[in-house]
PDB file of all heavy atoms in Angstrom:
ATOM      1  N   CYS A   1       0.818  -1.211   0.000  1.00  0.00           N
ATOM      2  CA  CYS A   1       0.000   0.000   0.000  1.00  0.00           C
ATOM      3  C   CYS A   1       0.853   1.263   0.000  1.00  0.00           C
ATOM      4  O   CYS A   1       0.463   2.278  -0.594  1.00  0.00           O
ATOM      5  CB  CYS A   1      -0.934   0.000   1.210  1.00  0.00           C
ATOM      6  SG  CYS A   1      -2.208  -1.269   1.135  1.00  0.00           S
ATOM      7  N   GLY A   2       1.998   1.223   0.659  1.00  0.00           N
ATOM      8  CA  GLY A   2       2.883   2.378   0.648  1.00  0.00           C
ATOM      9  C   GLY A   2       3.370   2.699  -0.750  1.00  0.00           C
ATOM     10  O   GLY A   2       3.377   3.864  -1.177  1.00  0.00           O
ATOM     11  N   LEU A   3       3.770   1.681  -1.494  1.00  0.00           N
ATOM     12  CA  LEU A   3       4.238   1.892  -2.870  1.00  0.00           C
ATOM     13  C   LEU A   3       3.089   2.336  -3.774  1.00  0.00           C
ATOM     14  O   LEU A   3       3.229   3.309  -4.532  1.00  0.00           O
ATOM     15  CB  LEU A   3       4.870   0.609  -3.403  1.00  0.00           C
ATOM     16  CG  LEU A   3       6.201   0.202  -2.753  1.00  0.00           C
ATOM     17  CD1 LEU A   3       6.608  -1.193  -3.209  1.00  0.00           C
ATOM     18  CD2 LEU A   3       7.288   1.218  -3.094  1.00  0.00           C
ATOM     19  N   ALA A   4       1.958   1.622  -3.696  1.00  0.00           N
ATOM     20  CA  ALA A   4       0.827   1.961  -4.562  1.00  0.00           C
ATOM     21  C   ALA A   4       0.243   3.331  -4.205  1.00  0.00           C
ATOM     22  O   ALA A   4      -0.053   4.148  -5.092  1.00  0.00           O
ATOM     23  CB  ALA A   4      -0.250   0.885  -4.445  1.00  0.00           C
ATOM     24  N   GLY A   5       0.084   3.596  -2.903  1.00  0.00           N
ATOM     25  CA  GLY A   5      -0.466   4.881  -2.486  1.00  0.00           C
ATOM     26  C   GLY A   5       0.471   6.035  -2.766  1.00  0.00           C
ATOM     27  O   GLY A   5       0.033   7.136  -3.114  1.00  0.00           O
ATOM     28  N   GLY A   6       1.768   5.803  -2.629  1.00  0.00           N
ATOM     29  CA  GLY A   6       2.739   6.836  -2.958  1.00  0.00           C
ATOM     30  C   GLY A   6       2.705   7.188  -4.435  1.00  0.00           C
ATOM     31  O   GLY A   6       2.781   8.368  -4.820  1.00  0.00           O
ATOM     32  N   LEU A   7       2.596   6.165  -5.290  1.00  0.00           N
ATOM     33  CA  LEU A   7       2.482   6.410  -6.729  1.00  0.00           C
ATOM     34  C   LEU A   7       1.184   7.149  -7.046  1.00  0.00           C
ATOM     35  O   LEU A   7       1.165   8.076  -7.881  1.00  0.00           O
ATOM     36  CB  LEU A   7       2.534   5.082  -7.479  1.00  0.00           C
ATOM     37  CG  LEU A   7       2.313   5.143  -8.998  1.00  0.00           C
ATOM     38  CD1 LEU A   7       3.390   5.987  -9.666  1.00  0.00           C
ATOM     39  CD2 LEU A   7       2.269   3.744  -9.589  1.00  0.00           C
ATOM     40  N   PHE A   8       0.108   6.748  -6.395  1.00  0.00           N
ATOM     41  CA  PHE A   8      -1.194   7.391  -6.578  1.00  0.00           C
ATOM     42  C   PHE A   8      -1.103   8.886  -6.251  1.00  0.00           C
ATOM     43  O   PHE A   8      -1.530   9.743  -7.045  1.00  0.00           O
ATOM     44  CB  PHE A   8      -2.202   6.703  -5.674  1.00  0.00           C
ATOM     45  CG  PHE A   8      -3.596   7.253  -5.725  1.00  0.00           C
ATOM     46  CD1 PHE A   8      -4.442   6.936  -6.770  1.00  0.00           C
ATOM     47  CD2 PHE A   8      -4.071   8.065  -4.706  1.00  0.00           C
ATOM     48  CE1 PHE A   8      -5.740   7.432  -6.814  1.00  0.00           C
ATOM     49  CE2 PHE A   8      -5.356   8.561  -4.740  1.00  0.00           C
ATOM     50  CZ  PHE A   8      -6.202   8.248  -5.799  1.00  0.00           C
ATOM     51  N   SER A   9      -0.522   9.211  -5.099  1.00  0.00           N
ATOM     52  CA  SER A   9      -0.379  10.602  -4.694  1.00  0.00           C
ATOM     53  C   SER A   9       0.500  11.372  -5.673  1.00  0.00           C
ATOM     54  O   SER A   9       0.212  12.517  -6.032  1.00  0.00           O
ATOM     55  CB  SER A   9       0.217  10.658  -3.277  1.00  0.00           C
ATOM     56  OG  SER A   9       0.442  11.990  -2.881  1.00  0.00           O
ATOM     57  N   ARG A  10       1.557  10.738  -6.127  1.00  0.00           N
ATOM     58  CA  ARG A  10       2.469  11.399  -7.063  1.00  0.00           C
ATOM     59  C   ARG A  10       1.771  11.706  -8.388  1.00  0.00           C
ATOM     60  O   ARG A  10       1.981  12.767  -8.983  1.00  0.00           O
ATOM     61  CB  ARG A  10       3.692  10.511  -7.295  1.00  0.00           C
ATOM     62  CG  ARG A  10       4.849  11.215  -7.986  1.00  0.00           C
ATOM     63  CD  ARG A  10       6.084  10.327  -8.027  1.00  0.00           C
ATOM     64  NE  ARG A  10       7.206  11.033  -8.614  1.00  0.00           N
ATOM     65  CZ  ARG A  10       8.034  11.808  -7.947  1.00  0.00           C
ATOM     66  NH1 ARG A  10       7.874  11.966  -6.637  1.00  0.00           N
ATOM     67  NH2 ARG A  10       9.040  12.416  -8.556  1.00  0.00           N
ATOM     68  N   LEU A  11       0.933  10.782  -8.852  1.00  0.00           N
ATOM     69  CA  LEU A  11       0.198  11.013 -10.096  1.00  0.00           C
ATOM     70  C   LEU A  11      -0.815  12.149  -9.942  1.00  0.00           C
ATOM     71  O   LEU A  11      -1.007  12.946 -10.865  1.00  0.00           O
ATOM     72  CB  LEU A  11      -0.509   9.733 -10.529  1.00  0.00           C
ATOM     73  CG  LEU A  11       0.380   8.637 -11.119  1.00  0.00           C
ATOM     74  CD1 LEU A  11      -0.422   7.358 -11.344  1.00  0.00           C
ATOM     75  CD2 LEU A  11       1.021   9.108 -12.424  1.00  0.00           C
ATOM     76  N   LEU A  12      -1.455  12.244  -8.790  1.00  0.00           N
ATOM     77  CA  LEU A  12      -2.405  13.330  -8.572  1.00  0.00           C
ATOM     78  C   LEU A  12      -1.704  14.686  -8.530  1.00  0.00           C
ATOM     79  O   LEU A  12      -2.312  15.713  -8.867  1.00  0.00           O
ATOM     80  CB  LEU A  12      -3.187  13.109  -7.276  1.00  0.00           C
ATOM     81  CG  LEU A  12      -4.113  11.888  -7.214  1.00  0.00           C
ATOM     82  CD1 LEU A  12      -4.999  11.967  -5.983  1.00  0.00           C
ATOM     83  CD2 LEU A  12      -4.973  11.762  -8.459  1.00  0.00           C
ATOM     84  N   LEU A  13      -0.454  14.688  -8.139  1.00  0.00           N
ATOM     85  CA  LEU A  13       0.312  15.942  -8.095  1.00  0.00           C
ATOM     86  C   LEU A  13       0.968  16.280  -9.427  1.00  0.00           C
ATOM     87  O   LEU A  13       1.544  17.358  -9.580  1.00  0.00           O
ATOM     88  CB  LEU A  13       1.390  15.860  -7.012  1.00  0.00           C
ATOM     89  CG  LEU A  13       0.895  15.915  -5.567  1.00  0.00           C
ATOM     90  CD1 LEU A  13       2.018  15.576  -4.602  1.00  0.00           C
ATOM     91  CD2 LEU A  13       0.311  17.281  -5.247  1.00  0.00           C
ATOM     92  N   TRP A  14       0.908  15.376 -10.391  1.00  0.00           N
ATOM     93  CA  TRP A  14       1.571  15.595 -11.674  1.00  0.00           C
ATOM     94  C   TRP A  14       1.134  16.890 -12.365  1.00  0.00           C
ATOM     95  O   TRP A  14       1.985  17.670 -12.833  1.00  0.00           O
ATOM     96  CB  TRP A  14       1.327  14.381 -12.575  1.00  0.00           C
ATOM     97  CG  TRP A  14       2.021  14.426 -13.904  1.00  0.00           C
ATOM     98  CD1 TRP A  14       3.149  15.130 -14.226  1.00  0.00           C
ATOM     99  CD2 TRP A  14       1.624  13.736 -15.104  1.00  0.00           C
ATOM    100  NE1 TRP A  14       3.482  14.922 -15.541  1.00  0.00           N
ATOM    101  CE2 TRP A  14       2.568  14.073 -16.102  1.00  0.00           C
ATOM    102  CE3 TRP A  14       0.577  12.872 -15.405  1.00  0.00           C
ATOM    103  CZ2 TRP A  14       2.484  13.578 -17.396  1.00  0.00           C
ATOM    104  CZ3 TRP A  14       0.494  12.370 -16.694  1.00  0.00           C
ATOM    105  CH2 TRP A  14       1.432  12.720 -17.674  1.00  0.00           C
ATOM    106  N   PRO A  15      -0.179  17.218 -12.443  1.00  0.00           N
ATOM    107  CA  PRO A  15      -0.556  18.480 -13.099  1.00  0.00           C
ATOM    108  C   PRO A  15       0.047  19.705 -12.421  1.00  0.00           C
ATOM    109  O   PRO A  15       0.317  20.709 -13.093  1.00  0.00           O
ATOM    110  CB  PRO A  15      -2.082  18.487 -12.985  1.00  0.00           C
ATOM    111  CG  PRO A  15      -2.464  17.061 -12.834  1.00  0.00           C
ATOM    112  CD  PRO A  15      -1.359  16.440 -12.030  1.00  0.00           C
ATOM    113  N   GLN A  16       0.249  19.633 -11.120  1.00  0.00           N
ATOM    114  CA  GLN A  16       0.831  20.776 -10.404  1.00  0.00           C
ATOM    115  C   GLN A  16       2.333  20.841 -10.606  1.00  0.00           C
ATOM    116  O   GLN A  16       2.903  21.909 -10.836  1.00  0.00           O
ATOM    117  CB  GLN A  16       0.510  20.670  -8.912  1.00  0.00           C
ATOM    118  CG  GLN A  16       0.997  21.865  -8.099  1.00  0.00           C
ATOM    119  CD  GLN A  16       0.892  21.620  -6.607  1.00  0.00           C
ATOM    120  OE1 GLN A  16       1.515  20.709  -6.084  1.00  0.00           O
ATOM    121  NE2 GLN A  16       0.098  22.436  -5.926  1.00  0.00           N
ATOM    122  N   ARG A  17       2.999  19.683 -10.552  1.00  0.00           N
ATOM    123  CA  ARG A  17       4.454  19.660 -10.646  1.00  0.00           C
ATOM    124  C   ARG A  17       4.952  19.912 -12.064  1.00  0.00           C
ATOM    125  O   ARG A  17       6.090  20.338 -12.251  1.00  0.00           O
ATOM    126  CB  ARG A  17       4.971  18.310 -10.139  1.00  0.00           C
ATOM    127  CG  ARG A  17       4.650  18.063  -8.667  1.00  0.00           C
ATOM    128  CD  ARG A  17       4.929  16.629  -8.265  1.00  0.00           C
ATOM    129  NE  ARG A  17       6.350  16.372  -8.173  1.00  0.00           N
ATOM    130  CZ  ARG A  17       6.960  15.857  -7.105  1.00  0.00           C
ATOM    131  NH1 ARG A  17       6.239  15.575  -6.030  1.00  0.00           N
ATOM    132  NH2 ARG A  17       8.229  15.642  -7.099  1.00  0.00           N
ATOM    133  N   ALA A  18       4.103  19.633 -13.055  1.00  0.00           N
ATOM    134  CA  ALA A  18       4.493  19.852 -14.451  1.00  0.00           C
ATOM    135  C   ALA A  18       3.464  20.756 -15.123  1.00  0.00           C
ATOM    136  O   ALA A  18       2.973  20.468 -16.219  1.00  0.00           O
ATOM    137  CB  ALA A  18       4.601  18.517 -15.182  1.00  0.00           C
ATOM    138  N   ALA A  19       3.158  21.866 -14.456  1.00  0.00           N
ATOM    139  CA  ALA A  19       2.085  22.740 -14.930  1.00  0.00           C
ATOM    140  C   ALA A  19       2.347  23.295 -16.319  1.00  0.00           C
ATOM    141  O   ALA A  19       1.408  23.596 -17.063  1.00  0.00           O
ATOM    142  CB  ALA A  19       1.881  23.887 -13.934  1.00  0.00           C
ATOM    143  N   ALA A  20       3.620  23.437 -16.692  1.00  0.00           N
ATOM    144  CA  ALA A  20       3.946  24.015 -17.998  1.00  0.00           C
ATOM    145  C   ALA A  20       3.938  22.986 -19.123  1.00  0.00           C
ATOM    146  O   ALA A  20       4.095  23.347 -20.286  1.00  0.00           O
ATOM    147  CB  ALA A  20       5.314  24.692 -17.938  1.00  0.00           C
ATOM    148  N   ALA A  21       3.755  21.716 -18.801  1.00  0.00           N
ATOM    149  CA  ALA A  21       3.756  20.676 -19.828  1.00  0.00           C
ATOM    150  C   ALA A  21       2.585  20.892 -20.800  1.00  0.00           C
ATOM    151  O   ALA A  21       1.526  21.386 -20.406  1.00  0.00           O
ATOM    152  CB  ALA A  21       3.647  19.300 -19.175  1.00  0.00           C
ATOM    153  N   PRO A  22       2.769  20.530 -22.080  1.00  0.00           N
ATOM    154  CA  PRO A  22       1.704  20.757 -23.085  1.00  0.00           C
ATOM    155  C   PRO A  22       0.360  20.153 -22.709  1.00  0.00           C
ATOM    156  O   PRO A  22      -0.685  20.758 -22.960  1.00  0.00           O
ATOM    157  CB  PRO A  22       2.285  20.099 -24.348  1.00  0.00           C
ATOM    158  CG  PRO A  22       3.767  20.149 -24.156  1.00  0.00           C
ATOM    159  CD  PRO A  22       3.992  19.982 -22.682  1.00  0.00           C
ATOM    160  N   LEU A  23       0.362  18.955 -22.086  1.00  0.00           N
ATOM    161  CA  LEU A  23      -0.896  18.304 -21.733  1.00  0.00           C
ATOM    162  C   LEU A  23      -1.714  19.159 -20.790  1.00  0.00           C
ATOM    163  O   LEU A  23      -2.923  19.369 -20.994  1.00  0.00           O
ATOM    164  CB  LEU A  23      -0.610  16.937 -21.109  1.00  0.00           C
ATOM    165  CG  LEU A  23      -1.833  16.153 -20.611  1.00  0.00           C
ATOM    166  CD1 LEU A  23      -2.767  15.819 -21.768  1.00  0.00           C
ATOM    167  CD2 LEU A  23      -1.401  14.892 -19.868  1.00  0.00           C
ATOM    168  N   TRP A  24      -1.078  19.680 -19.750  1.00  0.00           N
ATOM    169  CA  TRP A  24      -1.818  20.436 -18.751  1.00  0.00           C
ATOM    170  C   TRP A  24      -2.121  21.847 -19.221  1.00  0.00           C
ATOM    171  O   TRP A  24      -3.139  22.437 -18.807  1.00  0.00           O
ATOM    172  CB  TRP A  24      -1.049  20.437 -17.434  1.00  0.00           C
ATOM    173  CG  TRP A  24      -0.690  19.050 -17.014  1.00  0.00           C
ATOM    174  CD1 TRP A  24       0.561  18.532 -16.835  1.00  0.00           C
ATOM    175  CD2 TRP A  24      -1.598  17.953 -16.803  1.00  0.00           C
ATOM    176  NE1 TRP A  24       0.502  17.211 -16.512  1.00  0.00           N
ATOM    177  CE2 TRP A  24      -0.810  16.822 -16.480  1.00  0.00           C
ATOM    178  CE3 TRP A  24      -2.980  17.821 -16.842  1.00  0.00           C
ATOM    179  CZ2 TRP A  24      -1.376  15.583 -16.203  1.00  0.00           C
ATOM    180  CZ3 TRP A  24      -3.547  16.593 -16.581  1.00  0.00           C
ATOM    181  CH2 TRP A  24      -2.754  15.488 -16.260  1.00  0.00           C
ATOM    182  N   ALA A  25      -1.289  22.387 -20.088  1.00  0.00           N
ATOM    183  CA  ALA A  25      -1.611  23.683 -20.696  1.00  0.00           C
ATOM    184  C   ALA A  25      -2.856  23.550 -21.576  1.00  0.00           C
ATOM    185  O   ALA A  25      -3.738  24.426 -21.585  1.00  0.00           O
ATOM    186  CB  ALA A  25      -0.430  24.183 -21.521  1.00  0.00           C
ATOM    187  N   TRP A  26      -2.952  22.442 -22.314  1.00  0.00           N
ATOM    188  CA  TRP A  26      -4.119  22.198 -23.161  1.00  0.00           C
ATOM    189  C   TRP A  26      -5.366  21.989 -22.308  1.00  0.00           C
ATOM    190  O   TRP A  26      -6.463  22.435 -22.680  1.00  0.00           O
ATOM    191  CB  TRP A  26      -3.866  20.971 -24.043  1.00  0.00           C
ATOM    192  CG  TRP A  26      -4.941  20.761 -25.061  1.00  0.00           C
ATOM    193  CD1 TRP A  26      -5.137  21.480 -26.209  1.00  0.00           C
ATOM    194  CD2 TRP A  26      -5.978  19.776 -25.018  1.00  0.00           C
ATOM    195  NE1 TRP A  26      -6.238  20.997 -26.888  1.00  0.00           N
ATOM    196  CE2 TRP A  26      -6.774  19.951 -26.183  1.00  0.00           C
ATOM    197  CE3 TRP A  26      -6.311  18.757 -24.118  1.00  0.00           C
ATOM    198  CZ2 TRP A  26      -7.873  19.153 -26.459  1.00  0.00           C
ATOM    199  CZ3 TRP A  26      -7.412  17.959 -24.397  1.00  0.00           C
ATOM    200  CH2 TRP A  26      -8.181  18.158 -25.546  1.00  0.00           C
ATOM    201  N   ARG A  27      -5.213  21.330 -21.150  1.00  0.00           N
ATOM    202  CA  ARG A  27      -6.362  21.148 -20.260  1.00  0.00           C
ATOM    203  C   ARG A  27      -6.896  22.490 -19.785  1.00  0.00           C
ATOM    204  O   ARG A  27      -8.113  22.677 -19.684  1.00  0.00           O
ATOM    205  CB  ARG A  27      -5.982  20.286 -19.050  1.00  0.00           C
ATOM    206  CG  ARG A  27      -7.165  19.984 -18.137  1.00  0.00           C
ATOM    207  CD  ARG A  27      -6.804  19.130 -16.944  1.00  0.00           C
ATOM    208  NE  ARG A  27      -6.062  19.857 -15.933  1.00  0.00           N
ATOM    209  CZ  ARG A  27      -5.923  19.454 -14.663  1.00  0.00           C
ATOM    210  NH1 ARG A  27      -6.470  18.311 -14.273  1.00  0.00           N
ATOM    211  NH2 ARG A  27      -5.231  20.153 -13.809  1.00  0.00           N
ATOM    212  N   ARG A  28      -6.012  23.419 -19.475  1.00  0.00           N
ATOM    213  CA  ARG A  28      -6.467  24.734 -19.029  1.00  0.00           C
ATOM    214  C   ARG A  28      -7.198  25.482 -20.142  1.00  0.00           C
ATOM    215  O   ARG A  28      -8.107  26.265 -19.880  1.00  0.00           O
ATOM    216  CB  ARG A  28      -5.274  25.562 -18.531  1.00  0.00           C
ATOM    217  CG  ARG A  28      -4.685  25.061 -17.221  1.00  0.00           C
ATOM    218  CD  ARG A  28      -3.686  26.056 -16.644  1.00  0.00           C
ATOM    219  NE  ARG A  28      -2.490  26.158 -17.466  1.00  0.00           N
ATOM    220  CZ  ARG A  28      -1.421  25.372 -17.351  1.00  0.00           C
ATOM    221  NH1 ARG A  28      -1.414  24.397 -16.430  1.00  0.00           N
ATOM    222  NH2 ARG A  28      -0.370  25.533 -18.119  1.00  0.00           N
ATOM    223  N   GLN A  29      -6.807  25.253 -21.392  1.00  0.00           N
ATOM    224  CA  GLN A  29      -7.433  25.927 -22.525  1.00  0.00           C
ATOM    225  C   GLN A  29      -8.752  25.273 -22.927  1.00  0.00           C
ATOM    226  O   GLN A  29      -9.673  25.948 -23.383  1.00  0.00           O
ATOM    227  CB  GLN A  29      -6.471  25.924 -23.723  1.00  0.00           C
ATOM    228  CG  GLN A  29      -5.204  26.722 -23.488  1.00  0.00           C
ATOM    229  CD  GLN A  29      -4.159  26.466 -24.570  1.00  0.00           C
ATOM    230  OE1 GLN A  29      -4.396  25.718 -25.519  1.00  0.00           O
ATOM    231  NE2 GLN A  29      -2.995  27.098 -24.422  1.00  0.00           N
ATOM    232  N   ARG A  30      -8.867  23.951 -22.789  1.00  0.00           N
ATOM    233  CA  ARG A  30     -10.045  23.203 -23.211  1.00  0.00           C
ATOM    234  C   ARG A  30     -10.541  22.289 -22.081  1.00  0.00           C
ATOM    235  O   ARG A  30     -10.544  21.071 -22.210  1.00  0.00           O
ATOM    236  CB  ARG A  30      -9.711  22.352 -24.444  1.00  0.00           C
ATOM    237  CG  ARG A  30      -9.249  23.129 -25.653  1.00  0.00           C
ATOM    238  CD  ARG A  30     -10.438  23.803 -26.353  1.00  0.00           C
ATOM    239  NE  ARG A  30     -10.022  24.389 -27.629  1.00  0.00           N
ATOM    240  CZ  ARG A  30      -9.508  25.597 -27.768  1.00  0.00           C
ATOM    241  NH1 ARG A  30      -9.306  26.355 -26.677  1.00  0.00           N
ATOM    242  NH2 ARG A  30      -9.181  26.075 -28.957  1.00  0.00           N
ATOM    243  N   PRO A  31     -10.959  22.862 -20.957  1.00  0.00           N
ATOM    244  CA  PRO A  31     -11.319  22.021 -19.804  1.00  0.00           C
ATOM    245  C   PRO A  31     -12.510  21.096 -20.067  1.00  0.00           C
ATOM    246  O   PRO A  31     -12.536  19.961 -19.595  1.00  0.00           O
ATOM    247  CB  PRO A  31     -11.634  23.035 -18.697  1.00  0.00           C
ATOM    248  CG  PRO A  31     -11.984  24.288 -19.426  1.00  0.00           C
ATOM    249  CD  PRO A  31     -11.132  24.289 -20.659  1.00  0.00           C
ATOM    250  N   VAL A  32     -13.496  21.559 -20.823  1.00  0.00           N
ATOM    251  CA  VAL A  32     -14.690  20.742 -21.068  1.00  0.00           C
ATOM    252  C   VAL A  32     -14.348  19.559 -21.965  1.00  0.00           C
ATOM    253  O   VAL A  32     -14.737  18.407 -21.682  1.00  0.00           O
ATOM    254  CB  VAL A  32     -15.805  21.600 -21.693  1.00  0.00           C
ATOM    255  CG1 VAL A  32     -17.014  20.731 -22.046  1.00  0.00           C
ATOM    256  CG2 VAL A  32     -16.222  22.706 -20.728  1.00  0.00           C
ATOM    257  N   LEU A  33     -13.599  19.802 -23.030  1.00  0.00           N
ATOM    258  CA  LEU A  33     -13.201  18.713 -23.921  1.00  0.00           C
ATOM    259  C   LEU A  33     -12.285  17.735 -23.200  1.00  0.00           C
ATOM    260  O   LEU A  33     -12.407  16.507 -23.372  1.00  0.00           O
ATOM    261  CB  LEU A  33     -12.505  19.287 -25.159  1.00  0.00           C
ATOM    262  CG  LEU A  33     -12.028  18.269 -26.202  1.00  0.00           C
ATOM    263  CD1 LEU A  33     -13.195  17.423 -26.696  1.00  0.00           C
ATOM    264  CD2 LEU A  33     -11.343  18.988 -27.362  1.00  0.00           C
ATOM    265  N   PHE A  34     -11.386  18.250 -22.391  1.00  0.00           N
ATOM    266  CA  PHE A  34     -10.488  17.388 -21.634  1.00  0.00           C
ATOM    267  C   PHE A  34     -11.277  16.486 -20.687  1.00  0.00           C
ATOM    268  O   PHE A  34     -10.981  15.294 -20.542  1.00  0.00           O
ATOM    269  CB  PHE A  34      -9.483  18.223 -20.840  1.00  0.00           C
ATOM    270  CG  PHE A  34      -8.354  17.434 -20.242  1.00  0.00           C
ATOM    271  CD1 PHE A  34      -7.183  17.218 -20.951  1.00  0.00           C
ATOM    272  CD2 PHE A  34      -8.456  16.888 -18.972  1.00  0.00           C
ATOM    273  CE1 PHE A  34      -6.137  16.489 -20.416  1.00  0.00           C
ATOM    274  CE2 PHE A  34      -7.435  16.141 -18.426  1.00  0.00           C
ATOM    275  CZ  PHE A  34      -6.260  15.949 -19.160  1.00  0.00           C
ATOM    276  N   ALA A  35     -12.313  17.043 -20.051  1.00  0.00           N
ATOM    277  CA  ALA A  35     -13.164  16.237 -19.164  1.00  0.00           C
ATOM    278  C   ALA A  35     -13.859  15.126 -19.936  1.00  0.00           C
ATOM    279  O   ALA A  35     -14.009  14.004 -19.437  1.00  0.00           O
ATOM    280  CB  ALA A  35     -14.199  17.129 -18.482  1.00  0.00           C
ATOM    281  N   GLY A  36     -14.288  15.422 -21.164  1.00  0.00           N
ATOM    282  CA  GLY A  36     -14.920  14.396 -21.978  1.00  0.00           C
ATOM    283  C   GLY A  36     -13.974  13.265 -22.324  1.00  0.00           C
ATOM    284  O   GLY A  36     -14.350  12.083 -22.297  1.00  0.00           O
ATOM    285  N   ILE A  37     -12.720  13.594 -22.624  1.00  0.00           N
ATOM    286  CA  ILE A  37     -11.720  12.571 -22.949  1.00  0.00           C
ATOM    287  C   ILE A  37     -11.427  11.708 -21.713  1.00  0.00           C
ATOM    288  O   ILE A  37     -11.352  10.479 -21.804  1.00  0.00           O
ATOM    289  CB  ILE A  37     -10.433  13.233 -23.483  1.00  0.00           C
ATOM    290  CG1 ILE A  37     -10.716  13.905 -24.827  1.00  0.00           C
ATOM    291  CG2 ILE A  37      -9.313  12.211 -23.624  1.00  0.00           C
ATOM    292  CD1 ILE A  37      -9.572  14.753 -25.337  1.00  0.00           C
ATOM    293  N   CYS A  38     -11.287  12.360 -20.560  1.00  0.00           N
ATOM    294  CA  CYS A  38     -11.074  11.593 -19.323  1.00  0.00           C
ATOM    295  C   CYS A  38     -12.278  10.705 -19.032  1.00  0.00           C
ATOM    296  O   CYS A  38     -12.125   9.550 -18.610  1.00  0.00           O
ATOM    297  CB  CYS A  38     -10.833  12.546 -18.150  1.00  0.00           C
ATOM    298  SG  CYS A  38      -9.234  13.385 -18.177  1.00  0.00           S
ATOM    299  N   GLY A  39     -13.481  11.240 -19.251  1.00  0.00           N
ATOM    300  CA  GLY A  39     -14.677  10.445 -19.034  1.00  0.00           C
ATOM    301  C   GLY A  39     -14.733   9.232 -19.938  1.00  0.00           C
ATOM    302  O   GLY A  39     -15.139   8.138 -19.508  1.00  0.00           O
ATOM    303  N   LEU A  40     -14.295   9.380 -21.186  1.00  0.00           N
ATOM    304  CA  LEU A  40     -14.264   8.245 -22.101  1.00  0.00           C
ATOM    305  C   LEU A  40     -13.274   7.185 -21.620  1.00  0.00           C
ATOM    306  O   LEU A  40     -13.573   5.977 -21.668  1.00  0.00           O
ATOM    307  CB  LEU A  40     -13.885   8.720 -23.503  1.00  0.00           C
ATOM    308  CG  LEU A  40     -13.802   7.630 -24.583  1.00  0.00           C
ATOM    309  CD1 LEU A  40     -15.138   6.913 -24.741  1.00  0.00           C
ATOM    310  CD2 LEU A  40     -13.332   8.227 -25.909  1.00  0.00           C
ATOM    311  N   ALA A  41     -12.120   7.638 -21.140  1.00  0.00           N
ATOM    312  CA  ALA A  41     -11.124   6.690 -20.623  1.00  0.00           C
ATOM    313  C   ALA A  41     -11.657   5.956 -19.388  1.00  0.00           C
ATOM    314  O   ALA A  41     -11.468   4.737 -19.239  1.00  0.00           O
ATOM    315  CB  ALA A  41      -9.830   7.429 -20.287  1.00  0.00           C
ATOM    316  N   VAL A  42     -12.341   6.674 -18.483  1.00  0.00           N
ATOM    317  CA  VAL A  42     -12.951   6.041 -17.308  1.00  0.00           C
ATOM    318  C   VAL A  42     -13.983   5.011 -17.739  1.00  0.00           C
ATOM    319  O   VAL A  42     -14.051   3.898 -17.196  1.00  0.00           O
ATOM    320  CB  VAL A  42     -13.601   7.111 -16.401  1.00  0.00           C
ATOM    321  CG1 VAL A  42     -14.453   6.452 -15.310  1.00  0.00           C
ATOM    322  CG2 VAL A  42     -12.538   7.999 -15.765  1.00  0.00           C
ATOM    323  N   ALA A  43     -14.781   5.373 -18.747  1.00  0.00           N
ATOM    324  CA  ALA A  43     -15.820   4.471 -19.236  1.00  0.00           C
ATOM    325  C   ALA A  43     -15.219   3.202 -19.839  1.00  0.00           C
ATOM    326  O   ALA A  43     -15.724   2.095 -19.613  1.00  0.00           O
ATOM    327  CB  ALA A  43     -16.674   5.190 -20.277  1.00  0.00           C
ATOM    328  N   LEU A  44     -14.136   3.353 -20.590  1.00  0.00           N
ATOM    329  CA  LEU A  44     -13.511   2.186 -21.214  1.00  0.00           C
ATOM    330  C   LEU A  44     -12.910   1.254 -20.161  1.00  0.00           C
ATOM    331  O   LEU A  44     -12.990   0.027 -20.294  1.00  0.00           O
ATOM    332  CB  LEU A  44     -12.443   2.642 -22.210  1.00  0.00           C
ATOM    333  CG  LEU A  44     -12.976   3.349 -23.461  1.00  0.00           C
ATOM    334  CD1 LEU A  44     -11.827   3.856 -24.333  1.00  0.00           C
ATOM    335  CD2 LEU A  44     -13.904   2.439 -24.250  1.00  0.00           C
ATOM    336  N   LEU A  45     -12.311   1.837 -19.116  1.00  0.00           N
ATOM    337  CA  LEU A  45     -11.813   0.994 -18.024  1.00  0.00           C
ATOM    338  C   LEU A  45     -12.961   0.242 -17.360  1.00  0.00           C
ATOM    339  O   LEU A  45     -12.844  -0.945 -17.036  1.00  0.00           O
ATOM    340  CB  LEU A  45     -11.079   1.857 -16.988  1.00  0.00           C
ATOM    341  CG  LEU A  45      -9.707   2.414 -17.375  1.00  0.00           C
ATOM    342  CD1 LEU A  45      -9.179   3.308 -16.258  1.00  0.00           C
ATOM    343  CD2 LEU A  45      -8.720   1.290 -17.665  1.00  0.00           C
ATOM    344  N   GLY A  46     -14.072   0.939 -17.155  1.00  0.00           N
ATOM    345  CA  GLY A  46     -15.231   0.294 -16.550  1.00  0.00           C
ATOM    346  C   GLY A  46     -15.813  -0.799 -17.426  1.00  0.00           C
ATOM    347  O   GLY A  46     -16.195  -1.869 -16.942  1.00  0.00           O
TER     348      GLY A  46
END
């Protein structure tokens, strides 16, 4: 759990730690479309 939870926390902090990365810059510009893409990925996992 320490390894898995540590990785989980690190991934949640990724948008903050790499705020200038193209992916997160695009999310700030297109938040609604980005939410739709994330929703599709969640749906496919489900």
